[in-house]
Amino acid sequence: KLEKAEMLEMTVRHLQKLQRQSTVNNNNEQTVMNKFRAGF
């Protein structure tokens, strides 16, 4: 059985991972839009 602290740590790590992925995806979308606006 997981302790509450362990579960909280796992949850925090998971949320941080999701946040990093979201940041990367947003940066990629911005790069794509910039290239599109520049005419490739």
Protein backbone atom coordinates (compact mmCIF):
# COMPACT_ATOMS: atom_id res chain seq x y z
CA LYS A 1 0.00 0.00 0.00
CA LEU A 2 1.31 3.44 -0.91
CA GLU A 3 1.74 6.01 1.79
CA LYS A 4 -0.05 9.33 1.36
CA ALA A 5 3.27 11.15 0.96
CA GLU A 6 4.34 8.75 -1.79
CA MET A 7 1.07 9.24 -3.63
CA LEU A 8 1.42 13.02 -3.37
CA GLU A 9 4.99 12.87 -4.69
CA MET A 10 3.89 10.73 -7.63
CA THR A 11 1.04 13.13 -8.36
CA VAL A 12 3.32 16.17 -8.26
CA ARG A 13 5.84 14.49 -10.59
CA HIS A 14 3.08 13.54 -13.00
CA LEU A 15 1.66 17.07 -13.07
CA GLN A 16 5.12 18.56 -13.59
CA LYS A 17 5.67 16.17 -16.51
CA LEU A 18 2.35 17.18 -18.07
CA GLN A 19 3.20 20.85 -17.61
CA ARG A 20 6.59 20.40 -19.31
CA GLN A 21 4.97 18.58 -22.22
CA SER A 22 2.38 21.33 -22.56
CA THR A 23 5.09 23.99 -22.61
CA VAL A 24 7.01 22.12 -25.31
CA ASN A 25 3.85 21.67 -27.39
CA ASN A 26 2.99 25.37 -27.09
CA ASN A 27 6.51 26.33 -28.17
CA ASN A 28 6.29 23.97 -31.16
CA GLU A 29 2.94 25.43 -32.20
CA GLN A 30 4.36 28.95 -31.97
CA THR A 31 7.34 27.94 -34.14
CA VAL A 32 5.04 26.41 -36.74
CA MET A 33 2.90 29.54 -36.83
CA ASN A 34 5.97 31.77 -37.16
CA LYS A 35 7.25 29.70 -40.09
CA PHE A 36 3.83 29.79 -41.72
CA ARG A 37 3.59 33.57 -41.37
CA ALA A 38 7.11 33.95 -42.75
CA GLY A 39 6.11 31.99 -45.84
CA PHE A 40 8.03 28.87 -44.89
